[in-house]
Amino acid sequence: MSLYSEDIAKRSKIKFLIGLYPRVKRYIIQEYFINRIARNKGASIGKNVNISKSLAKRANSNLIIGDNVSIQTDNIDLRAQVHIGNNVIIGKDVEIITCSHNVDSPDWEHKSYGINIEDYVWLATRTFILPSCRKIEYGAVCAAGAVVVKNVEKMSIVAGNPATFLKNRKCVHYKLVVESLLGNDLIAYVNEYQTNKNA
């Protein structure tokens, strides 16, 4: 049983109902207002996704987000495709740049690359992703302040400027209810309570 499950299992019906109110409010704002803005602008947004209103307003068809994702930044360059998998955590002040310029061209034209961030990745606070990084593989962690200049391998932890390999991660955060990070866990909260009640 996860820590999240244990916490909900301990709640009385009154405490469950008290916890329900802010979650309903947050869910309505996020799902029926913020995420709808992004979808209307062409973005593909999965279930239980937390993004800011400012990112939603800038969204376009280049933004593809899976399920159960928490994004606490709006510094994502959407001039090229940004594909974010499931159960991804992107921390505060993370910056993702997907385009550059051709330095050998007299026209200084744009070069677009895009990025694929696979499932269970964690980009910690103030991680800086440059266009030369095109893929962050399953379960990888980019430590706070890392400047990521190349692809990051599956289950690896990188840190520094430029980011270098530290060690391999032992497991992914599969028990974490990612959407609870920003209080948008209404569905998980209700399901968990009902599961414990029926057990």
C-alpha atoms as a PDB file:
ATOM      1  CA  MET A   1       0.000   0.000   0.000  1.00  0.00           C
ATOM      2  CA  SER A   2       1.343   3.455  -0.930  1.00  0.00           C
ATOM      3  CA  LEU A   3       1.635   6.385   1.490  1.00  0.00           C
ATOM      4  CA  TYR A   4      -1.183   8.058  -0.446  1.00  0.00           C
ATOM      5  CA  SER A   5      -3.447   4.997   0.052  1.00  0.00           C
ATOM      6  CA  GLU A   6      -2.569   4.771   3.743  1.00  0.00           C
ATOM      7  CA  ASP A   7      -3.433   8.436   4.287  1.00  0.00           C
ATOM      8  CA  ILE A   8      -6.865   8.074   2.669  1.00  0.00           C
ATOM      9  CA  ALA A   9      -7.574   4.741   4.403  1.00  0.00           C
ATOM     10  CA  LYS A  10      -7.186   6.473   7.792  1.00  0.00           C
ATOM     11  CA  ARG A  11      -9.772   9.160   6.989  1.00  0.00           C
ATOM     12  CA  SER A  12     -13.206   9.139   8.543  1.00  0.00           C
ATOM     13  CA  LYS A  13     -16.183   9.957   6.320  1.00  0.00           C
ATOM     14  CA  ILE A  14     -16.194  13.542   7.637  1.00  0.00           C
ATOM     15  CA  LYS A  15     -12.471  14.024   6.933  1.00  0.00           C
ATOM     16  CA  PHE A  16     -12.953  12.509   3.469  1.00  0.00           C
ATOM     17  CA  LEU A  17     -15.778  14.998   2.727  1.00  0.00           C
ATOM     18  CA  ILE A  18     -13.680  17.911   4.034  1.00  0.00           C
ATOM     19  CA  GLY A  19     -10.860  16.819   1.696  1.00  0.00           C
ATOM     20  CA  LEU A  20     -13.303  16.513  -1.185  1.00  0.00           C
ATOM     21  CA  TYR A  21     -14.251  20.208  -1.339  1.00  0.00           C
ATOM     22  CA  PRO A  22     -10.874  21.721  -2.379  1.00  0.00           C
ATOM     23  CA  ARG A  23     -10.287  18.830  -4.788  1.00  0.00           C
ATOM     24  CA  VAL A  24     -13.628  19.354  -6.572  1.00  0.00           C
ATOM     25  CA  LYS A  25     -12.898  23.072  -6.883  1.00  0.00           C
ATOM     26  CA  ARG A  26      -9.367  22.488  -8.195  1.00  0.00           C
ATOM     27  CA  TYR A  27     -10.531  19.768 -10.612  1.00  0.00           C
ATOM     28  CA  ILE A  28     -13.204  22.019 -12.140  1.00  0.00           C
ATOM     29  CA  ILE A  29     -10.733  24.898 -12.604  1.00  0.00           C
ATOM     30  CA  GLN A  30      -8.011  22.675 -14.066  1.00  0.00           C
ATOM     31  CA  GLU A  31     -10.036  20.293 -16.219  1.00  0.00           C
ATOM     32  CA  TYR A  32     -12.922  22.464 -17.399  1.00  0.00           C
ATOM     33  CA  PHE A  33     -11.103  25.770 -17.699  1.00  0.00           C
ATOM     34  CA  ILE A  34      -7.284  25.568 -17.976  1.00  0.00           C
ATOM     35  CA  ASN A  35      -6.922  22.245 -19.823  1.00  0.00           C
ATOM     36  CA  ARG A  36      -9.829  23.132 -22.086  1.00  0.00           C
ATOM     37  CA  ILE A  37      -8.017  26.317 -23.157  1.00  0.00           C
ATOM     38  CA  ALA A  38      -4.978  24.218 -24.173  1.00  0.00           C
ATOM     39  CA  ARG A  39      -7.124  21.657 -26.005  1.00  0.00           C
ATOM     40  CA  ASN A  40      -8.981  24.406 -27.872  1.00  0.00           C
ATOM     41  CA  LYS A  41      -5.616  25.714 -29.071  1.00  0.00           C
ATOM     42  CA  GLY A  42      -4.780  22.293 -30.527  1.00  0.00           C
ATOM     43  CA  ALA A  43      -2.785  20.690 -27.707  1.00  0.00           C
ATOM     44  CA  SER A  44      -3.330  17.039 -26.791  1.00  0.00           C
ATOM     45  CA  ILE A  45      -3.841  16.845 -23.021  1.00  0.00           C
ATOM     46  CA  GLY A  46      -4.389  13.552 -21.192  1.00  0.00           C
ATOM     47  CA  LYS A  47      -6.267  12.786 -17.971  1.00  0.00           C
ATOM     48  CA  ASN A  48      -5.335  14.281 -14.603  1.00  0.00           C
ATOM     49  CA  VAL A  49      -2.917  16.858 -16.004  1.00  0.00           C
ATOM     50  CA  ASN A  50      -1.806  19.954 -14.090  1.00  0.00           C
ATOM     51  CA  ILE A  51      -0.529  22.857 -16.183  1.00  0.00           C
ATOM     52  CA  SER A  52      -0.576  26.605 -15.616  1.00  0.00           C
ATOM     53  CA  LYS A  53      -3.074  28.933 -17.232  1.00  0.00           C
ATOM     54  CA  SER A  54      -0.210  30.804 -18.924  1.00  0.00           C
ATOM     55  CA  LEU A  55       1.097  27.602 -20.566  1.00  0.00           C
ATOM     56  CA  ALA A  56      -2.445  26.697 -21.646  1.00  0.00           C
ATOM     57  CA  LYS A  57      -2.838  30.101 -23.335  1.00  0.00           C
ATOM     58  CA  ARG A  58       0.413  29.578 -25.280  1.00  0.00           C
ATOM     59  CA  ALA A  59      -0.381  25.961 -26.211  1.00  0.00           C
ATOM     60  CA  ASN A  60      -0.607  24.714 -29.773  1.00  0.00           C
ATOM     61  CA  SER A  61      -0.636  21.404 -31.636  1.00  0.00           C
ATOM     62  CA  ASN A  62       3.060  20.869 -30.812  1.00  0.00           C
ATOM     63  CA  LEU A  63       2.171  20.193 -27.161  1.00  0.00           C
ATOM     64  CA  ILE A  64       1.313  16.550 -26.430  1.00  0.00           C
ATOM     65  CA  ILE A  65       0.890  15.501 -22.786  1.00  0.00           C
ATOM     66  CA  GLY A  66      -0.012  12.040 -21.470  1.00  0.00           C
ATOM     67  CA  ASP A  67      -1.910  11.148 -18.281  1.00  0.00           C
ATOM     68  CA  ASN A  68      -1.133  12.017 -14.648  1.00  0.00           C
ATOM     69  CA  VAL A  69       1.362  14.786 -15.389  1.00  0.00           C
ATOM     70  CA  SER A  70       2.389  17.735 -13.219  1.00  0.00           C
ATOM     71  CA  ILE A  71       3.993  20.729 -14.964  1.00  0.00           C
ATOM     72  CA  GLN A  72       4.940  23.674 -12.739  1.00  0.00           C
ATOM     73  CA  THR A  73       6.512  25.859 -15.422  1.00  0.00           C
ATOM     74  CA  ASP A  74       5.352  27.707 -18.506  1.00  0.00           C
ATOM     75  CA  ASN A  75       8.861  28.048 -19.986  1.00  0.00           C
ATOM     76  CA  ILE A  76       8.318  25.449 -22.699  1.00  0.00           C
ATOM     77  CA  ASP A  77       9.245  26.377 -26.265  1.00  0.00           C
ATOM     78  CA  LEU A  78       6.410  25.164 -28.488  1.00  0.00           C
ATOM     79  CA  ARG A  79       7.891  26.078 -31.874  1.00  0.00           C
ATOM     80  CA  ALA A  80       8.651  22.365 -32.304  1.00  0.00           C
ATOM     81  CA  GLN A  81       6.892  19.284 -30.938  1.00  0.00           C
ATOM     82  CA  VAL A  82       7.122  18.615 -27.210  1.00  0.00           C
ATOM     83  CA  HIS A  83       5.875  15.121 -26.391  1.00  0.00           C
ATOM     84  CA  ILE A  84       5.486  14.419 -22.658  1.00  0.00           C
ATOM     85  CA  GLY A  85       4.602  10.890 -21.544  1.00  0.00           C
ATOM     86  CA  ASN A  86       2.621   9.616 -18.543  1.00  0.00           C
ATOM     87  CA  ASN A  87       3.405  10.221 -14.855  1.00  0.00           C
ATOM     88  CA  VAL A  88       5.952  12.938 -15.642  1.00  0.00           C
ATOM     89  CA  ILE A  89       6.899  15.630 -13.121  1.00  0.00           C
ATOM     90  CA  ILE A  90       8.273  18.922 -14.449  1.00  0.00           C
ATOM     91  CA  GLY A  91       9.280  21.262 -11.633  1.00  0.00           C
ATOM     92  CA  LYS A  92       9.201  24.993 -11.117  1.00  0.00           C
ATOM     93  CA  ASP A  93      11.258  27.215 -13.438  1.00  0.00           C
ATOM     94  CA  VAL A  94      12.254  24.340 -15.734  1.00  0.00           C
ATOM     95  CA  GLU A  95      13.040  25.655 -19.225  1.00  0.00           C
ATOM     96  CA  ILE A  96      12.767  23.565 -22.381  1.00  0.00           C
ATOM     97  CA  ILE A  97      14.111  25.017 -25.638  1.00  0.00           C
ATOM     98  CA  THR A  98      13.299  23.153 -28.856  1.00  0.00           C
ATOM     99  CA  CYS A  99      14.717  25.441 -31.549  1.00  0.00           C
ATOM    100  CA  SER A 100      17.997  27.118 -32.392  1.00  0.00           C
ATOM    101  CA  HIS A 101      19.590  28.966 -35.325  1.00  0.00           C
ATOM    102  CA  ASN A 102      21.878  27.800 -38.075  1.00  0.00           C
ATOM    103  CA  VAL A 103      25.095  29.573 -37.062  1.00  0.00           C
ATOM    104  CA  ASP A 104      26.684  28.781 -40.452  1.00  0.00           C
ATOM    105  CA  SER A 105      23.939  30.493 -42.421  1.00  0.00           C
ATOM    106  CA  PRO A 106      23.894  34.128 -43.540  1.00  0.00           C
ATOM    107  CA  ASP A 107      20.096  33.993 -43.122  1.00  0.00           C
ATOM    108  CA  TRP A 108      20.371  32.794 -39.474  1.00  0.00           C
ATOM    109  CA  GLU A 109      17.342  30.573 -40.090  1.00  0.00           C
ATOM    110  CA  HIS A 110      15.662  28.543 -37.362  1.00  0.00           C
ATOM    111  CA  LYS A 111      16.493  24.898 -36.804  1.00  0.00           C
ATOM    112  CA  SER A 112      13.662  23.005 -35.123  1.00  0.00           C
ATOM    113  CA  TYR A 113      14.301  19.821 -33.166  1.00  0.00           C
ATOM    114  CA  GLY A 114      11.555  18.961 -30.683  1.00  0.00           C
ATOM    115  CA  ILE A 115      11.829  16.665 -27.681  1.00  0.00           C
ATOM    116  CA  ASN A 116      10.340  13.411 -26.401  1.00  0.00           C
ATOM    117  CA  ILE A 117      10.079  13.103 -22.608  1.00  0.00           C
ATOM    118  CA  GLU A 118       9.139   9.517 -21.784  1.00  0.00           C
ATOM    119  CA  ASP A 119       7.064   8.104 -18.890  1.00  0.00           C
ATOM    120  CA  TYR A 120       8.099   8.594 -15.246  1.00  0.00           C
ATOM    121  CA  VAL A 121      10.678  11.289 -15.969  1.00  0.00           C
ATOM    122  CA  TRP A 122      11.363  13.938 -13.312  1.00  0.00           C
ATOM    123  CA  LEU A 123      12.784  17.296 -14.377  1.00  0.00           C
ATOM    124  CA  ALA A 124      13.629  18.985 -11.063  1.00  0.00           C
ATOM    125  CA  THR A 125      13.499  22.727 -10.348  1.00  0.00           C
ATOM    126  CA  ARG A 126      15.376  24.965 -12.782  1.00  0.00           C
ATOM    127  CA  THR A 127      16.480  22.189 -15.105  1.00  0.00           C
ATOM    128  CA  PHE A 128      17.484  23.733 -18.439  1.00  0.00           C
ATOM    129  CA  ILE A 129      16.927  21.571 -21.547  1.00  0.00           C
ATOM    130  CA  LEU A 130      18.741  22.707 -24.699  1.00  0.00           C
ATOM    131  CA  PRO A 131      17.701  21.835 -28.292  1.00  0.00           C
ATOM    132  CA  SER A 132      20.583  19.353 -28.604  1.00  0.00           C
ATOM    133  CA  CYS A 133      18.666  17.117 -26.173  1.00  0.00           C
ATOM    134  CA  ARG A 134      15.967  15.345 -28.204  1.00  0.00           C
ATOM    135  CA  LYS A 135      14.989  12.527 -25.841  1.00  0.00           C
ATOM    136  CA  ILE A 136      14.789  11.964 -22.098  1.00  0.00           C
ATOM    137  CA  GLU A 137      14.134   8.279 -21.685  1.00  0.00           C
ATOM    138  CA  TYR A 138      11.881   6.336 -19.309  1.00  0.00           C
ATOM    139  CA  GLY A 139      12.371   7.048 -15.602  1.00  0.00           C
ATOM    140  CA  ALA A 140      15.287   9.457 -16.018  1.00  0.00           C
ATOM    141  CA  VAL A 141      15.896  12.254 -13.498  1.00  0.00           C
ATOM    142  CA  CYS A 142      17.471  15.623 -14.300  1.00  0.00           C
ATOM    143  CA  ALA A 143      18.622  17.162 -11.008  1.00  0.00           C
ATOM    144  CA  ALA A 144      17.831  20.736  -9.969  1.00  0.00           C
ATOM    145  CA  GLY A 145      19.771  23.252 -12.030  1.00  0.00           C
ATOM    146  CA  ALA A 146      21.035  20.683 -14.548  1.00  0.00           C
ATOM    147  CA  VAL A 147      21.873  22.011 -18.003  1.00  0.00           C
ATOM    148  CA  VAL A 148      20.958  19.137 -20.295  1.00  0.00           C
ATOM    149  CA  VAL A 149      22.804  19.261 -23.620  1.00  0.00           C
ATOM    150  CA  LYS A 150      22.355  15.680 -24.852  1.00  0.00           C
ATOM    151  CA  ASN A 151      19.886  12.799 -24.651  1.00  0.00           C
ATOM    152  CA  VAL A 152      19.356  11.234 -21.221  1.00  0.00           C
ATOM    153  CA  GLU A 153      19.281   7.449 -20.986  1.00  0.00           C
ATOM    154  CA  LYS A 154      16.614   5.291 -19.345  1.00  0.00           C
ATOM    155  CA  MET A 155      16.594   5.325 -15.500  1.00  0.00           C
ATOM    156  CA  SER A 156      19.678   7.546 -15.290  1.00  0.00           C
ATOM    157  CA  ILE A 157      20.180  10.537 -13.001  1.00  0.00           C
ATOM    158  CA  VAL A 158      22.093  13.488 -14.444  1.00  0.00           C
ATOM    159  CA  ALA A 159      23.269  16.719 -12.816  1.00  0.00           C
ATOM    160  CA  GLY A 160      25.524  19.719 -13.392  1.00  0.00           C
ATOM    161  CA  ASN A 161      26.468  22.081 -16.205  1.00  0.00           C
ATOM    162  CA  PRO A 162      26.707  20.397 -18.600  1.00  0.00           C
ATOM    163  CA  ALA A 163      24.661  17.569 -17.101  1.00  0.00           C
ATOM    164  CA  THR A 164      26.618  14.361 -16.596  1.00  0.00           C
ATOM    165  CA  PHE A 165      25.638  10.897 -15.426  1.00  0.00           C
ATOM    166  CA  LEU A 166      25.588  10.394 -11.627  1.00  0.00           C
ATOM    167  CA  LYS A 167      24.005   6.981 -11.183  1.00  0.00           C
ATOM    168  CA  ASN A 168      21.062   4.814 -12.197  1.00  0.00           C
ATOM    169  CA  ARG A 169      17.708   5.113 -10.511  1.00  0.00           C
ATOM    170  CA  LYS A 170      16.539   1.966  -8.662  1.00  0.00           C
ATOM    171  CA  CYS A 171      12.817   2.340  -9.430  1.00  0.00           C
ATOM    172  CA  VAL A 172      10.304   4.834 -10.782  1.00  0.00           C
ATOM    173  CA  HIS A 173       7.728   6.723  -8.694  1.00  0.00           C
ATOM    174  CA  TYR A 174       4.909   4.318  -9.613  1.00  0.00           C
ATOM    175  CA  LYS A 175       3.169   4.594  -6.213  1.00  0.00           C
ATOM    176  CA  LEU A 176       3.068   8.387  -6.297  1.00  0.00           C
ATOM    177  CA  VAL A 177      -0.206   9.994  -7.334  1.00  0.00           C
ATOM    178  CA  VAL A 178       1.508  12.613  -9.497  1.00  0.00           C
ATOM    179  CA  GLU A 179      -1.558  14.809  -9.855  1.00  0.00           C
ATOM    180  CA  SER A 180      -1.711  15.191  -6.054  1.00  0.00           C
ATOM    181  CA  LEU A 181       1.429  17.366  -6.230  1.00  0.00           C
ATOM    182  CA  LEU A 182      -0.743  20.340  -7.195  1.00  0.00           C
ATOM    183  CA  GLY A 183      -3.963  19.201  -5.538  1.00  0.00           C
ATOM    184  CA  ASN A 184      -5.693  17.898  -8.651  1.00  0.00           C
ATOM    185  CA  ASP A 185      -6.199  14.320  -7.445  1.00  0.00           C
ATOM    186  CA  LEU A 186     -10.004  14.271  -7.221  1.00  0.00           C
ATOM    187  CA  ILE A 187     -10.458  11.066  -9.255  1.00  0.00           C
ATOM    188  CA  ALA A 188      -7.661   9.188  -7.447  1.00  0.00           C
ATOM    189  CA  TYR A 189      -8.898  10.482  -4.074  1.00  0.00           C
ATOM    190  CA  VAL A 190     -12.475   9.240  -4.620  1.00  0.00           C
ATOM    191  CA  ASN A 191     -11.360   5.912  -6.148  1.00  0.00           C
ATOM    192  CA  GLU A 192      -8.939   5.244  -3.298  1.00  0.00           C
ATOM    193  CA  TYR A 193     -11.554   6.017  -0.656  1.00  0.00           C
ATOM    194  CA  GLN A 194     -14.124   3.735  -2.315  1.00  0.00           C
ATOM    195  CA  THR A 195     -11.549   0.927  -2.679  1.00  0.00           C
ATOM    196  CA  ASN A 196     -10.665   1.105   1.034  1.00  0.00           C
ATOM    197  CA  LYS A 197     -14.321   1.340   2.041  1.00  0.00           C
ATOM    198  CA  ASN A 198     -15.213  -1.782   0.004  1.00  0.00           C
ATOM    199  CA  ALA A 199     -12.172  -3.762   1.211  1.00  0.00           C
END
